[in-house]
């Protein structure tokens, strides 16, 4: 299994999570690097915090696990 790795800030096109927008501050942004990996960052850091980089298959498995209810979600 491959896990996320630290990635330097780059010029990616970021997309904010569709679940963002509330006032609770639990927001993430995802992008795609030229190499095709998926960078993820915390919106609250305003582009200055760490970025995790995931292989597309690993990120897809993570999203599918969330959709399947494998992680508790607070709304």
Protein backbone atom coordinates (compact mmCIF):
# COMPACT_ATOMS: atom_id res chain seq x y z
CA UNK A 1 0.00 0.00 0.00
CA UNK A 2 1.22 3.49 -0.81
CA UNK A 3 0.53 6.36 1.57
CA UNK A 4 0.52 10.10 1.07
CA UNK A 5 3.83 11.94 1.01
CA UNK A 6 4.71 15.56 1.73
CA UNK A 7 4.69 17.80 -1.37
CA UNK A 8 6.02 21.33 -1.83
CA UNK A 9 3.52 24.04 -2.76
CA UNK A 10 3.00 24.13 -6.51
CA UNK A 11 0.92 25.85 -9.15
CA UNK A 12 -1.98 23.42 -9.13
CA UNK A 13 -5.62 24.04 -10.01
CA UNK A 14 -7.29 23.54 -6.63
CA UNK A 15 -10.93 22.50 -6.09
CA UNK A 16 -12.63 23.00 -2.74
CA UNK A 17 -14.57 20.10 -1.26
CA UNK A 18 -18.29 20.18 -2.01
CA UNK A 19 -18.87 19.70 1.73
CA UNK A 20 -17.02 22.94 2.51
CA UNK A 21 -18.82 26.19 3.05
CA UNK A 22 -19.94 25.89 6.65
CA UNK A 23 -18.39 27.88 9.46
CA UNK A 24 -16.80 24.86 11.16
CA UNK A 25 -13.50 25.20 9.27
CA UNK A 26 -13.34 21.56 8.19
CA UNK A 27 -12.43 22.22 4.55
CA UNK A 28 -9.99 20.61 2.18
CA UNK A 29 -8.92 21.33 -1.36
CA UNK A 30 -7.73 18.81 -3.93
CA UNK A 31 -5.87 19.25 -7.19
CA UNK A 32 -3.95 17.30 -9.81
CA UNK A 33 -0.23 17.58 -10.45
CA UNK A 34 1.32 17.41 -13.93
CA UNK A 35 2.42 13.87 -12.99
CA UNK A 36 -1.22 12.92 -12.34
CA UNK A 37 -1.02 12.59 -8.56
CA UNK A 38 -3.65 14.11 -6.24
CA UNK A 39 -2.44 16.85 -3.85
CA UNK A 40 -4.64 17.59 -0.81
CA UNK A 41 -4.38 20.61 1.48
CA UNK A 42 -6.23 22.27 4.36
CA UNK A 43 -8.12 25.35 3.17
CA UNK A 44 -7.55 27.13 6.51
CA UNK A 45 -3.81 27.29 5.80
CA UNK A 46 -4.38 29.67 2.84
CA UNK A 47 -1.84 27.89 0.64
CA UNK A 48 0.94 28.04 3.25
CA UNK A 49 0.45 24.70 5.01
CA UNK A 50 1.58 21.20 4.13
CA UNK A 51 0.28 19.33 1.11
CA UNK A 52 -0.19 15.58 0.99
CA UNK A 53 0.26 13.87 -2.38
CA UNK A 54 -1.55 10.64 -3.21
CA UNK A 55 -1.48 8.23 -6.11
CA UNK A 56 -4.83 8.39 -7.96
CA UNK A 57 -5.78 4.82 -7.02
CA UNK A 58 -5.05 5.44 -3.33
CA UNK A 59 -7.13 8.63 -3.29
CA UNK A 60 -9.97 6.90 -5.16
CA UNK A 61 -9.97 4.07 -2.58
CA UNK A 62 -10.09 6.65 0.22
CA UNK A 63 -13.06 8.48 -1.33
CA UNK A 64 -14.87 5.18 -1.94
CA UNK A 65 -14.31 4.19 1.69
CA UNK A 66 -15.85 7.49 2.85
CA UNK A 67 -18.85 6.95 0.56
CA UNK A 68 -19.23 3.39 1.90
CA UNK A 69 -19.46 4.75 5.46
CA UNK A 70 -16.14 3.36 6.67
CA UNK A 71 -15.34 6.67 8.40
CA UNK A 72 -17.72 8.56 10.70
CA UNK A 73 -18.78 11.89 9.21
CA UNK A 74 -20.03 14.81 11.28
CA UNK A 75 -22.44 17.12 9.54
